All heavy atoms as atom14 arrays in JSON, in Angstrom:
{
  "sequence": "GKRPAEDAARLEDVARAFADFVDLKSPYTLGHSSGVAALAEASGRAA",
  "atom14_mask": [
    [1, 1, 1, 1, 0, 0, 0, 0, 0, 0, 0, 0, 0, 0],
    [1, 1, 1, 1, 1, 1, 1, 1, 1, 0, 0, 0, 0, 0],
    [1, 1, 1, 1, 1, 1, 1, 1, 1, 1, 1, 0, 0, 0],
    [1, 1, 1, 1, 1, 1, 1, 0, 0, 0, 0, 0, 0, 0],
    [1, 1, 1, 1, 1, 0, 0, 0, 0, 0, 0, 0, 0, 0],
    [1, 1, 1, 1, 1, 1, 1, 1, 1, 0, 0, 0, 0, 0],
    [1, 1, 1, 1, 1, 1, 1, 1, 0, 0, 0, 0, 0, 0],
    [1, 1, 1, 1, 1, 0, 0, 0, 0, 0, 0, 0, 0, 0],
    [1, 1, 1, 1, 1, 0, 0, 0, 0, 0, 0, 0, 0, 0],
    [1, 1, 1, 1, 1, 1, 1, 1, 1, 1, 1, 0, 0, 0],
    [1, 1, 1, 1, 1, 1, 1, 1, 0, 0, 0, 0, 0, 0],
    [1, 1, 1, 1, 1, 1, 1, 1, 1, 0, 0, 0, 0, 0],
    [1, 1, 1, 1, 1, 1, 1, 1, 0, 0, 0, 0, 0, 0],
    [1, 1, 1, 1, 1, 1, 1, 0, 0, 0, 0, 0, 0, 0],
    [1, 1, 1, 1, 1, 0, 0, 0, 0, 0, 0, 0, 0, 0],
    [1, 1, 1, 1, 1, 1, 1, 1, 1, 1, 1, 0, 0, 0],
    [1, 1, 1, 1, 1, 0, 0, 0, 0, 0, 0, 0, 0, 0],
    [1, 1, 1, 1, 1, 1, 1, 1, 1, 1, 1, 0, 0, 0],
    [1, 1, 1, 1, 1, 0, 0, 0, 0, 0, 0, 0, 0, 0],
    [1, 1, 1, 1, 1, 1, 1, 1, 0, 0, 0, 0, 0, 0],
    [1, 1, 1, 1, 1, 1, 1, 1, 1, 1, 1, 0, 0, 0],
    [1, 1, 1, 1, 1, 1, 1, 0, 0, 0, 0, 0, 0, 0],
    [1, 1, 1, 1, 1, 1, 1, 1, 0, 0, 0, 0, 0, 0],
    [1, 1, 1, 1, 1, 1, 1, 1, 0, 0, 0, 0, 0, 0],
    [1, 1, 1, 1, 1, 1, 1, 1, 1, 0, 0, 0, 0, 0],
    [1, 1, 1, 1, 1, 1, 0, 0, 0, 0, 0, 0, 0, 0],
    [1, 1, 1, 1, 1, 1, 1, 0, 0, 0, 0, 0, 0, 0],
    [1, 1, 1, 1, 1, 1, 1, 1, 1, 1, 1, 1, 0, 0],
    [1, 1, 1, 1, 1, 1, 1, 0, 0, 0, 0, 0, 0, 0],
    [1, 1, 1, 1, 1, 1, 1, 1, 0, 0, 0, 0, 0, 0],
    [1, 1, 1, 1, 0, 0, 0, 0, 0, 0, 0, 0, 0, 0],
    [1, 1, 1, 1, 1, 1, 1, 1, 1, 1, 0, 0, 0, 0],
    [1, 1, 1, 1, 1, 1, 0, 0, 0, 0, 0, 0, 0, 0],
    [1, 1, 1, 1, 1, 1, 0, 0, 0, 0, 0, 0, 0, 0],
    [1, 1, 1, 1, 0, 0, 0, 0, 0, 0, 0, 0, 0, 0],
    [1, 1, 1, 1, 1, 1, 1, 0, 0, 0, 0, 0, 0, 0],
    [1, 1, 1, 1, 1, 0, 0, 0, 0, 0, 0, 0, 0, 0],
    [1, 1, 1, 1, 1, 0, 0, 0, 0, 0, 0, 0, 0, 0],
    [1, 1, 1, 1, 1, 1, 1, 1, 0, 0, 0, 0, 0, 0],
    [1, 1, 1, 1, 1, 0, 0, 0, 0, 0, 0, 0, 0, 0],
    [1, 1, 1, 1, 1, 1, 1, 1, 1, 0, 0, 0, 0, 0],
    [1, 1, 1, 1, 1, 0, 0, 0, 0, 0, 0, 0, 0, 0],
    [1, 1, 1, 1, 1, 1, 0, 0, 0, 0, 0, 0, 0, 0],
    [1, 1, 1, 1, 0, 0, 0, 0, 0, 0, 0, 0, 0, 0],
    [1, 1, 1, 1, 1, 1, 1, 1, 1, 1, 1, 0, 0, 0],
    [1, 1, 1, 1, 1, 0, 0, 0, 0, 0, 0, 0, 0, 0],
    [1, 1, 1, 1, 1, 0, 0, 0, 0, 0, 0, 0, 0, 0]
  ],
  "atom14_positions": [
    [[-92.52, 127.31, 149.2], [-93.71, 126.47, 149.22], [-93.46, 124.99, 149.14], [-94.36, 124.19, 149.36], [0.0, 0.0, 0.0], [0.0, 0.0, 0.0], [0.0, 0.0, 0.0], [0.0, 0.0, 0.0], [0.0, 0.0, 0.0], [0.0, 0.0, 0.0], [0.0, 0.0, 0.0], [0.0, 0.0, 0.0], [0.0, 0.0, 0.0], [0.0, 0.0, 0.0]],
    [[-92.23, 124.59, 148.81], [-91.89, 123.15, 148.73], [-92.95, 122.37, 147.95], [-93.73, 121.61, 148.5], [-91.73, 122.57, 150.14], [-90.61, 123.23, 150.94], [-89.24, 123.02, 150.31], [-88.12, 123.53, 151.21], [-88.13, 124.96, 151.42], [0.0, 0.0, 0.0], [0.0, 0.0, 0.0], [0.0, 0.0, 0.0], [0.0, 0.0, 0.0], [0.0, 0.0, 0.0]],
    [[-92.97, 122.59, 146.65], [-93.95, 121.9, 145.8], [-93.9, 120.39, 145.99], [-92.81, 119.82, 146.13], [-93.67, 122.23, 144.33], [-94.11, 123.58, 143.89], [-93.7, 123.86, 142.46], [-92.25, 123.98, 142.33], [-91.65, 124.69, 141.37], [-92.37, 125.33, 140.48], [-90.33, 124.75, 141.3], [0.0, 0.0, 0.0], [0.0, 0.0, 0.0], [0.0, 0.0, 0.0]],
    [[-95.04, 119.73, 145.99], [-95.03, 118.27, 146.12], [-94.37, 117.62, 144.92], [-94.31, 118.21, 143.83], [-96.53, 117.92, 146.19], [-97.22, 119.06, 145.51], [-96.41, 120.28, 145.83], [0.0, 0.0, 0.0], [0.0, 0.0, 0.0], [0.0, 0.0, 0.0], [0.0, 0.0, 0.0], [0.0, 0.0, 0.0], [0.0, 0.0, 0.0], [0.0, 0.0, 0.0]],
    [[-93.86, 116.43, 145.11], [-93.26, 115.68, 144.0], [-94.31, 115.45, 142.92], [-95.49, 115.27, 143.21], [-92.71, 114.35, 144.51], [0.0, 0.0, 0.0], [0.0, 0.0, 0.0], [0.0, 0.0, 0.0], [0.0, 0.0, 0.0], [0.0, 0.0, 0.0], [0.0, 0.0, 0.0], [0.0, 0.0, 0.0], [0.0, 0.0, 0.0], [0.0, 0.0, 0.0]],
    [[-93.87, 115.46, 141.68], [-94.77, 115.29, 140.56], [-94.54, 113.95, 139.9], [-93.51, 113.29, 140.1], [-94.56, 116.42, 139.55], [-94.78, 117.81, 140.15], [-94.72, 118.9, 139.09], [-95.34, 118.72, 138.03], [-94.05, 119.91, 139.32], [0.0, 0.0, 0.0], [0.0, 0.0, 0.0], [0.0, 0.0, 0.0], [0.0, 0.0, 0.0], [0.0, 0.0, 0.0]],
    [[-95.5, 113.56, 139.08], [-95.37, 112.31, 138.33], [-94.15, 112.4, 137.42], [-93.92, 113.42, 136.76], [-96.63, 112.07, 137.49], [-96.66, 110.67, 136.91], [-95.75, 110.34, 136.13], [-97.6, 109.92, 137.22], [0.0, 0.0, 0.0], [0.0, 0.0, 0.0], [0.0, 0.0, 0.0], [0.0, 0.0, 0.0], [0.0, 0.0, 0.0], [0.0, 0.0, 0.0]],
    [[-93.37, 111.34, 137.36], [-92.15, 111.35, 136.56], [-92.43, 111.52, 135.07], [-91.51, 111.83, 134.3], [-91.36, 110.06, 136.78], [0.0, 0.0, 0.0], [0.0, 0.0, 0.0], [0.0, 0.0, 0.0], [0.0, 0.0, 0.0], [0.0, 0.0, 0.0], [0.0, 0.0, 0.0], [0.0, 0.0, 0.0], [0.0, 0.0, 0.0], [0.0, 0.0, 0.0]],
    [[-93.68, 111.36, 134.66], [-94.02, 111.6, 133.26], [-93.73, 113.05, 132.86], [-93.52, 113.35, 131.68], [-95.49, 111.27, 133.02], [0.0, 0.0, 0.0], [0.0, 0.0, 0.0], [0.0, 0.0, 0.0], [0.0, 0.0, 0.0], [0.0, 0.0, 0.0], [0.0, 0.0, 0.0], [0.0, 0.0, 0.0], [0.0, 0.0, 0.0], [0.0, 0.0, 0.0]],
    [[-93.7, 113.96, 133.85], [-93.36, 115.35, 133.56], [-91.94, 115.48, 133.0], [-91.63, 116.46, 132.31], [-93.45, 116.2, 134.84], [-94.84, 116.64, 135.26], [-95.45, 117.64, 134.3], [-94.59, 118.77, 133.98], [-94.43, 119.84, 134.76], [-95.06, 119.91, 135.92], [-93.64, 120.82, 134.39], [0.0, 0.0, 0.0], [0.0, 0.0, 0.0], [0.0, 0.0, 0.0]],
    [[-91.1, 114.5, 133.31], [-89.74, 114.55, 132.8], [-89.72, 114.6, 131.28], [-88.84, 115.21, 130.67], [-88.94, 113.35, 133.31], [-87.48, 113.27, 132.86], [-86.71, 114.51, 133.3], [-86.82, 112.02, 133.42], [0.0, 0.0, 0.0], [0.0, 0.0, 0.0], [0.0, 0.0, 0.0], [0.0, 0.0, 0.0], [0.0, 0.0, 0.0], [0.0, 0.0, 0.0]],
    [[-90.7, 113.96, 130.68], [-90.79, 113.95, 129.21], [-90.94, 115.37, 128.67], [-90.26, 115.76, 127.72], [-91.98, 113.1, 128.78], [-91.88, 112.55, 127.39], [-90.88, 111.4, 127.28], [-90.58, 110.76, 128.31], [-90.4, 111.18, 126.18], [0.0, 0.0, 0.0], [0.0, 0.0, 0.0], [0.0, 0.0, 0.0], [0.0, 0.0, 0.0], [0.0, 0.0, 0.0]],
    [[-91.82, 116.15, 129.29], [-92.03, 117.54, 128.85], [-90.76, 118.36, 129.04], [-90.38, 119.16, 128.18], [-93.18, 118.18, 129.64], [-94.5, 117.48, 129.44], [-94.7, 116.91, 128.34], [-95.33, 117.49, 130.36], [0.0, 0.0, 0.0], [0.0, 0.0, 0.0], [0.0, 0.0, 0.0], [0.0, 0.0, 0.0], [0.0, 0.0, 0.0], [0.0, 0.0, 0.0]],
    [[-90.11, 118.17, 130.18], [-88.89, 118.91, 130.48], [-87.8, 118.55, 129.48], [-87.11, 119.41, 128.92], [-88.41, 118.64, 131.92], [-87.08, 119.33, 132.19], [-89.46, 119.09, 132.92], [0.0, 0.0, 0.0], [0.0, 0.0, 0.0], [0.0, 0.0, 0.0], [0.0, 0.0, 0.0], [0.0, 0.0, 0.0], [0.0, 0.0, 0.0], [0.0, 0.0, 0.0]],
    [[-87.63, 117.24, 129.23], [-86.58, 116.79, 128.32], [-86.83, 117.3, 126.9], [-85.89, 117.72, 126.2], [-86.5, 115.27, 128.33], [0.0, 0.0, 0.0], [0.0, 0.0, 0.0], [0.0, 0.0, 0.0], [0.0, 0.0, 0.0], [0.0, 0.0, 0.0], [0.0, 0.0, 0.0], [0.0, 0.0, 0.0], [0.0, 0.0, 0.0], [0.0, 0.0, 0.0]],
    [[-88.07, 117.29, 126.46], [-88.38, 117.78, 125.11], [-88.14, 119.28, 124.99], [-87.65, 119.77, 123.96], [-89.81, 117.42, 124.71], [-90.0, 115.94, 124.47], [-91.31, 115.57, 123.82], [-91.37, 114.12, 123.63], [-90.77, 113.47, 122.64], [-90.09, 114.15, 121.72], [-90.85, 112.16, 122.54], [0.0, 0.0, 0.0], [0.0, 0.0, 0.0], [0.0, 0.0, 0.0]],
    [[-88.48, 120.02, 126.02], [-88.24, 121.46, 125.99], [-86.75, 121.76, 125.91], [-86.31, 122.61, 125.11], [-88.85, 122.13, 127.23], [0.0, 0.0, 0.0], [0.0, 0.0, 0.0], [0.0, 0.0, 0.0], [0.0, 0.0, 0.0], [0.0, 0.0, 0.0], [0.0, 0.0, 0.0], [0.0, 0.0, 0.0], [0.0, 0.0, 0.0], [0.0, 0.0, 0.0]],
    [[-85.94, 121.05, 126.7], [-84.51, 121.31, 126.67], [-83.85, 120.75, 125.42], [-82.83, 121.27, 124.96], [-83.85, 120.79, 127.94], [-83.89, 121.79, 129.06], [-84.99, 121.87, 129.89], [-82.86, 122.7, 129.24], [-85.07, 122.82, 130.9], [-82.92, 123.65, 130.25], [-84.02, 123.72, 131.08], [0.0, 0.0, 0.0], [0.0, 0.0, 0.0], [0.0, 0.0, 0.0]],
    [[-84.44, 119.7, 124.82], [-83.94, 119.22, 123.53], [-84.08, 120.31, 122.48], [-83.15, 120.57, 121.69], [-84.71, 117.97, 123.11], [0.0, 0.0, 0.0], [0.0, 0.0, 0.0], [0.0, 0.0, 0.0], [0.0, 0.0, 0.0], [0.0, 0.0, 0.0], [0.0, 0.0, 0.0], [0.0, 0.0, 0.0], [0.0, 0.0, 0.0], [0.0, 0.0, 0.0]],
    [[-85.21, 120.98, 122.48], [-85.42, 122.06, 121.51], [-84.55, 123.27, 121.83], [-84.07, 123.97, 120.92], [-86.89, 122.45, 121.47], [-87.76, 121.37, 120.84], [-87.2, 120.44, 120.21], [-89.0, 121.44, 120.97], [0.0, 0.0, 0.0], [0.0, 0.0, 0.0], [0.0, 0.0, 0.0], [0.0, 0.0, 0.0], [0.0, 0.0, 0.0], [0.0, 0.0, 0.0]],
    [[-84.33, 123.55, 123.11], [-83.4, 124.6, 123.53], [-82.03, 124.36, 122.9], [-81.4, 125.28, 122.37], [-83.3, 124.61, 125.06], [-82.04, 125.19, 125.62], [-81.85, 126.55, 125.68], [-81.04, 124.35, 126.11], [-80.67, 127.09, 126.21], [-79.86, 124.87, 126.64], [-79.68, 126.25, 126.68], [0.0, 0.0, 0.0], [0.0, 0.0, 0.0], [0.0, 0.0, 0.0]],
    [[-81.56, 123.12, 122.93], [-80.26, 122.78, 122.36], [-80.28, 122.91, 120.84], [-79.38, 123.51, 120.23], [-79.85, 121.35, 122.76], [-78.63, 120.89, 121.97], [-79.6, 121.26, 124.25], [0.0, 0.0, 0.0], [0.0, 0.0, 0.0], [0.0, 0.0, 0.0], [0.0, 0.0, 0.0], [0.0, 0.0, 0.0], [0.0, 0.0, 0.0], [0.0, 0.0, 0.0]],
    [[-81.31, 122.37, 120.21], [-81.32, 122.29, 118.75], [-81.49, 123.64, 118.07], [-81.17, 123.79, 116.89], [-82.42, 121.33, 118.3], [-82.1, 119.88, 118.64], [-80.96, 119.61, 119.07], [-82.98, 119.02, 118.49], [0.0, 0.0, 0.0], [0.0, 0.0, 0.0], [0.0, 0.0, 0.0], [0.0, 0.0, 0.0], [0.0, 0.0, 0.0], [0.0, 0.0, 0.0]],
    [[-81.99, 124.65, 118.8], [-82.07, 126.0, 118.26], [-80.68, 126.61, 118.06], [-80.54, 127.63, 117.39], [-82.88, 126.91, 119.18], [-84.4, 126.81, 119.09], [-85.05, 127.61, 120.21], [-84.9, 127.3, 117.73], [0.0, 0.0, 0.0], [0.0, 0.0, 0.0], [0.0, 0.0, 0.0], [0.0, 0.0, 0.0], [0.0, 0.0, 0.0], [0.0, 0.0, 0.0]],
    [[-79.67, 126.0, 118.63], [-78.3, 126.53, 118.58], [-77.82, 126.73, 117.14], [-77.05, 127.64, 116.86], [-77.4, 125.55, 119.32], [-75.92, 125.85, 119.28], [-75.54, 126.88, 120.3], [-74.02, 126.99, 120.43], [-73.61, 128.2, 121.14], [0.0, 0.0, 0.0], [0.0, 0.0, 0.0], [0.0, 0.0, 0.0], [0.0, 0.0, 0.0], [0.0, 0.0, 0.0]],
    [[-78.26, 125.87, 116.24], [-77.83, 125.96, 114.84], [-78.98, 125.56, 113.92], [-79.72, 124.62, 114.23], [-76.64, 125.01, 114.59], [-76.42, 124.84, 113.2], [0.0, 0.0, 0.0], [0.0, 0.0, 0.0], [0.0, 0.0, 0.0], [0.0, 0.0, 0.0], [0.0, 0.0, 0.0], [0.0, 0.0, 0.0], [0.0, 0.0, 0.0], [0.0, 0.0, 0.0]],
    [[-79.13, 126.24, 112.78], [-80.17, 125.82, 111.83], [-79.98, 124.4, 111.33], [-80.93, 123.76, 110.89], [-80.01, 126.83, 110.68], [-79.32, 128.0, 111.27], [-78.42, 127.46, 112.33], [0.0, 0.0, 0.0], [0.0, 0.0, 0.0], [0.0, 0.0, 0.0], [0.0, 0.0, 0.0], [0.0, 0.0, 0.0], [0.0, 0.0, 0.0], [0.0, 0.0, 0.0]],
    [[-78.75, 123.9, 111.42], [-78.47, 122.55, 110.93], [-78.95, 121.46, 111.88], [-79.02, 120.28, 111.49], [-76.97, 122.38, 110.68], [-76.44, 123.21, 109.54], [-75.79, 124.42, 109.78], [-76.61, 122.81, 108.22], [-75.31, 125.2, 108.75], [-76.13, 123.58, 107.18], [-75.49, 124.78, 107.45], [-75.02, 125.55, 106.41], [0.0, 0.0, 0.0], [0.0, 0.0, 0.0]],
    [[-79.26, 121.81, 113.11], [-79.63, 120.78, 114.09], [-81.09, 120.88, 114.54], [-81.48, 120.19, 115.47], [-78.73, 120.87, 115.34], [-78.8, 122.19, 115.89], [-77.29, 120.54, 114.98], [0.0, 0.0, 0.0], [0.0, 0.0, 0.0], [0.0, 0.0, 0.0], [0.0, 0.0, 0.0], [0.0, 0.0, 0.0], [0.0, 0.0, 0.0], [0.0, 0.0, 0.0]],
    [[-81.89, 121.69, 113.87], [-83.29, 121.81, 114.27], [-83.97, 120.44, 114.2], [-83.96, 119.77, 113.17], [-84.03, 122.79, 113.36], [-83.59, 124.26, 113.44], [-84.42, 125.09, 112.48], [-83.71, 124.79, 114.86], [0.0, 0.0, 0.0], [0.0, 0.0, 0.0], [0.0, 0.0, 0.0], [0.0, 0.0, 0.0], [0.0, 0.0, 0.0], [0.0, 0.0, 0.0]],
    [[-84.53, 120.0, 115.32], [-85.23, 118.72, 115.37], [-84.32, 117.52, 115.53], [-84.82, 116.38, 115.56], [0.0, 0.0, 0.0], [0.0, 0.0, 0.0], [0.0, 0.0, 0.0], [0.0, 0.0, 0.0], [0.0, 0.0, 0.0], [0.0, 0.0, 0.0], [0.0, 0.0, 0.0], [0.0, 0.0, 0.0], [0.0, 0.0, 0.0], [0.0, 0.0, 0.0]],
    [[-83.01, 117.74, 115.65], [-82.09, 116.6, 115.72], [-82.33, 115.76, 116.97], [-82.44, 114.52, 116.88], [-80.64, 117.11, 115.72], [-79.63, 116.02, 115.95], [-79.3, 115.09, 114.97], [-78.89, 115.69, 117.05], [-78.4, 114.25, 115.46], [-78.13, 114.59, 116.72], [0.0, 0.0, 0.0], [0.0, 0.0, 0.0], [0.0, 0.0, 0.0], [0.0, 0.0, 0.0]],
    [[-82.43, 116.38, 118.13], [-82.53, 115.6, 119.38], [-83.82, 114.8, 119.45], [-83.81, 113.63, 119.85], [-82.43, 116.54, 120.59], [-81.16, 117.16, 120.64], [0.0, 0.0, 0.0], [0.0, 0.0, 0.0], [0.0, 0.0, 0.0], [0.0, 0.0, 0.0], [0.0, 0.0, 0.0], [0.0, 0.0, 0.0], [0.0, 0.0, 0.0], [0.0, 0.0, 0.0]],
    [[-84.93, 115.41, 119.07], [-86.2, 114.66, 119.09], [-86.18, 113.56, 118.05], [-86.76, 112.47, 118.27], [-87.38, 115.61, 118.87], [-87.24, 116.33, 117.66], [0.0, 0.0, 0.0], [0.0, 0.0, 0.0], [0.0, 0.0, 0.0], [0.0, 0.0, 0.0], [0.0, 0.0, 0.0], [0.0, 0.0, 0.0], [0.0, 0.0, 0.0], [0.0, 0.0, 0.0]],
    [[-85.51, 113.79, 116.92], [-85.4, 112.74, 115.91], [-84.57, 111.57, 116.39], [-84.93, 110.4, 116.18], [0.0, 0.0, 0.0], [0.0, 0.0, 0.0], [0.0, 0.0, 0.0], [0.0, 0.0, 0.0], [0.0, 0.0, 0.0], [0.0, 0.0, 0.0], [0.0, 0.0, 0.0], [0.0, 0.0, 0.0], [0.0, 0.0, 0.0], [0.0, 0.0, 0.0]],
    [[-83.45, 111.86, 117.03], [-82.61, 110.79, 117.58], [-83.36, 110.03, 118.66], [-83.29, 108.79, 118.75], [-81.3, 111.38, 118.14], [-80.53, 110.32, 118.94], [-80.43, 111.91, 117.01], [0.0, 0.0, 0.0], [0.0, 0.0, 0.0], [0.0, 0.0, 0.0], [0.0, 0.0, 0.0], [0.0, 0.0, 0.0], [0.0, 0.0, 0.0], [0.0, 0.0, 0.0]],
    [[-84.11, 110.76, 119.5], [-84.86, 110.11, 120.58], [-85.88, 109.12, 120.04], [-85.99, 107.98, 120.51], [-85.55, 111.17, 121.43], [0.0, 0.0, 0.0], [0.0, 0.0, 0.0], [0.0, 0.0, 0.0], [0.0, 0.0, 0.0], [0.0, 0.0, 0.0], [0.0, 0.0, 0.0], [0.0, 0.0, 0.0], [0.0, 0.0, 0.0], [0.0, 0.0, 0.0]],
    [[-86.64, 109.55, 119.03], [-87.66, 108.66, 118.45], [-87.01, 107.44, 117.8], [-87.49, 106.31, 117.93], [-88.5, 109.43, 117.44], [0.0, 0.0, 0.0], [0.0, 0.0, 0.0], [0.0, 0.0, 0.0], [0.0, 0.0, 0.0], [0.0, 0.0, 0.0], [0.0, 0.0, 0.0], [0.0, 0.0, 0.0], [0.0, 0.0, 0.0], [0.0, 0.0, 0.0]],
    [[-85.91, 107.67, 117.09], [-85.24, 106.56, 116.41], [-84.6, 105.61, 117.41], [-84.67, 104.38, 117.25], [-84.18, 107.12, 115.45], [-83.4, 106.1, 114.63], [-84.35, 105.22, 113.8], [-82.4, 106.81, 113.71], [0.0, 0.0, 0.0], [0.0, 0.0, 0.0], [0.0, 0.0, 0.0], [0.0, 0.0, 0.0], [0.0, 0.0, 0.0], [0.0, 0.0, 0.0]],
    [[-83.99, 106.14, 118.46], [-83.35, 105.28, 119.46], [-84.38, 104.42, 120.18], [-84.16, 103.23, 120.42], [-82.58, 106.14, 120.47], [0.0, 0.0, 0.0], [0.0, 0.0, 0.0], [0.0, 0.0, 0.0], [0.0, 0.0, 0.0], [0.0, 0.0, 0.0], [0.0, 0.0, 0.0], [0.0, 0.0, 0.0], [0.0, 0.0, 0.0], [0.0, 0.0, 0.0]],
    [[-85.52, 105.02, 120.53], [-86.57, 104.26, 121.2], [-87.09, 103.14, 120.3], [-87.21, 101.98, 120.74], [-87.72, 105.18, 121.58], [-88.89, 104.45, 122.25], [-90.07, 105.37, 122.51], [-90.21, 106.39, 121.81], [-90.87, 105.04, 123.41], [0.0, 0.0, 0.0], [0.0, 0.0, 0.0], [0.0, 0.0, 0.0], [0.0, 0.0, 0.0], [0.0, 0.0, 0.0]],
    [[-87.37, 103.47, 119.04], [-87.86, 102.44, 118.1], [-86.81, 101.37, 117.87], [-87.14, 100.18, 117.72], [-88.25, 103.11, 116.78], [0.0, 0.0, 0.0], [0.0, 0.0, 0.0], [0.0, 0.0, 0.0], [0.0, 0.0, 0.0], [0.0, 0.0, 0.0], [0.0, 0.0, 0.0], [0.0, 0.0, 0.0], [0.0, 0.0, 0.0], [0.0, 0.0, 0.0]],
    [[-85.55, 101.76, 117.86], [-84.47, 100.8, 117.66], [-84.35, 99.86, 118.85], [-84.07, 98.67, 118.7], [-83.15, 101.54, 117.44], [-83.23, 102.42, 116.35], [0.0, 0.0, 0.0], [0.0, 0.0, 0.0], [0.0, 0.0, 0.0], [0.0, 0.0, 0.0], [0.0, 0.0, 0.0], [0.0, 0.0, 0.0], [0.0, 0.0, 0.0], [0.0, 0.0, 0.0]],
    [[-84.55, 100.42, 120.06], [-84.54, 99.57, 121.24], [-85.6, 98.5, 121.17], [-85.36, 97.33, 121.53], [0.0, 0.0, 0.0], [0.0, 0.0, 0.0], [0.0, 0.0, 0.0], [0.0, 0.0, 0.0], [0.0, 0.0, 0.0], [0.0, 0.0, 0.0], [0.0, 0.0, 0.0], [0.0, 0.0, 0.0], [0.0, 0.0, 0.0], [0.0, 0.0, 0.0]],
    [[-86.78, 98.87, 120.7], [-87.86, 97.89, 120.57], [-87.51, 96.85, 119.49], [-87.77, 95.65, 119.65], [-89.18, 98.6, 120.24], [-89.71, 99.42, 121.39], [-91.2, 99.69, 121.26], [-91.69, 100.3, 122.49], [-91.75, 101.6, 122.72], [-91.37, 102.44, 121.77], [-92.19, 102.07, 123.87], [0.0, 0.0, 0.0], [0.0, 0.0, 0.0], [0.0, 0.0, 0.0]],
    [[-86.92, 97.34, 118.39], [-86.54, 96.41, 117.33], [-85.49, 95.42, 117.82], [-85.42, 94.28, 117.35], [-86.0, 97.18, 116.12], [0.0, 0.0, 0.0], [0.0, 0.0, 0.0], [0.0, 0.0, 0.0], [0.0, 0.0, 0.0], [0.0, 0.0, 0.0], [0.0, 0.0, 0.0], [0.0, 0.0, 0.0], [0.0, 0.0, 0.0], [0.0, 0.0, 0.0]],
    [[-84.68, 95.85, 118.79], [-83.64, 94.97, 119.35], [-84.17, 94.09, 120.47], [-83.42, 93.3, 121.05], [-82.47, 95.81, 119.86], [0.0, 0.0, 0.0], [0.0, 0.0, 0.0], [0.0, 0.0, 0.0], [0.0, 0.0, 0.0], [0.0, 0.0, 0.0], [0.0, 0.0, 0.0], [0.0, 0.0, 0.0], [0.0, 0.0, 0.0], [0.0, 0.0, 0.0]]
  ]
}
């Protein structure tokens, strides 16, 4: 069907889903990727 291109904002949903896919690997890393993402973004603004 060759789906039409989608808004790049969808990348956010995809990235968050795969971040959680990774973090489920160990109980010690639950929420690590989303936490780093939020902190890195806020740090970029602070800089």
